[in-house]
């Protein structure tokens, strides 16, 4: 992975399992999972 820092390019070793680095990335975006699901269902039923 290349990352620019100021005027330097820093090379870092690639992760062994890149998918593992994505786990939990979006946590909290939609609030609690079940709560968000109920809200979406109620909005759908209103239409």
Protein backbone atom coordinates (compact mmCIF):
# COMPACT_ATOMS: atom_id res chain seq x y z
CA UNK A 1 0.00 0.00 0.00
CA UNK A 2 1.39 3.41 -0.94
CA UNK A 3 0.59 6.39 1.21
CA UNK A 4 1.76 9.95 0.68
CA UNK A 5 3.00 11.73 3.80
CA UNK A 6 4.03 15.32 3.22
CA UNK A 7 6.48 15.04 0.32
CA UNK A 8 7.35 11.37 0.87
CA UNK A 9 5.84 8.14 -0.36
CA UNK A 10 5.71 5.50 2.36
CA UNK A 11 5.54 1.85 1.30
CA UNK A 12 3.92 -0.55 3.72
CA UNK A 13 3.71 -4.30 3.59
CA UNK A 14 0.41 -5.58 2.18
CA UNK A 15 -1.84 -7.30 4.72
CA UNK A 16 -2.10 -11.09 4.54
CA UNK A 17 -5.89 -10.94 4.58
CA UNK A 18 -7.12 -7.62 3.14
CA UNK A 19 -10.77 -8.53 3.80
CA UNK A 20 -10.07 -8.77 7.54
CA UNK A 21 -9.01 -5.11 7.47
CA UNK A 22 -12.48 -4.15 6.22
CA UNK A 23 -14.39 -5.86 9.01
CA UNK A 24 -16.25 -3.33 11.12
CA UNK A 25 -15.40 -0.44 8.79
CA UNK A 26 -19.00 0.75 8.45
CA UNK A 27 -20.01 -0.07 12.01
CA UNK A 28 -22.33 2.56 13.42
CA UNK A 29 -23.16 4.22 10.11
CA UNK A 30 -26.77 3.06 10.24
CA UNK A 31 -27.07 2.87 14.01
CA UNK A 32 -27.98 -0.43 15.56
CA UNK A 33 -28.57 -3.12 12.94
CA UNK A 34 -31.93 -4.38 14.16
CA UNK A 35 -33.18 -0.86 14.88
CA UNK A 36 -32.22 0.26 11.36
CA UNK A 37 -33.87 -2.81 9.83
CA UNK A 38 -37.15 -2.12 11.66
CA UNK A 39 -37.09 1.51 10.56
CA UNK A 40 -36.53 0.55 6.91
CA UNK A 41 -39.35 -2.02 7.06
CA UNK A 42 -41.78 0.47 8.57
CA UNK A 43 -40.91 3.06 5.90
CA UNK A 44 -41.45 0.42 3.20
CA UNK A 45 -44.83 -0.58 4.63
CA UNK A 46 -45.98 3.06 4.64
CA UNK A 47 -45.54 3.31 0.85
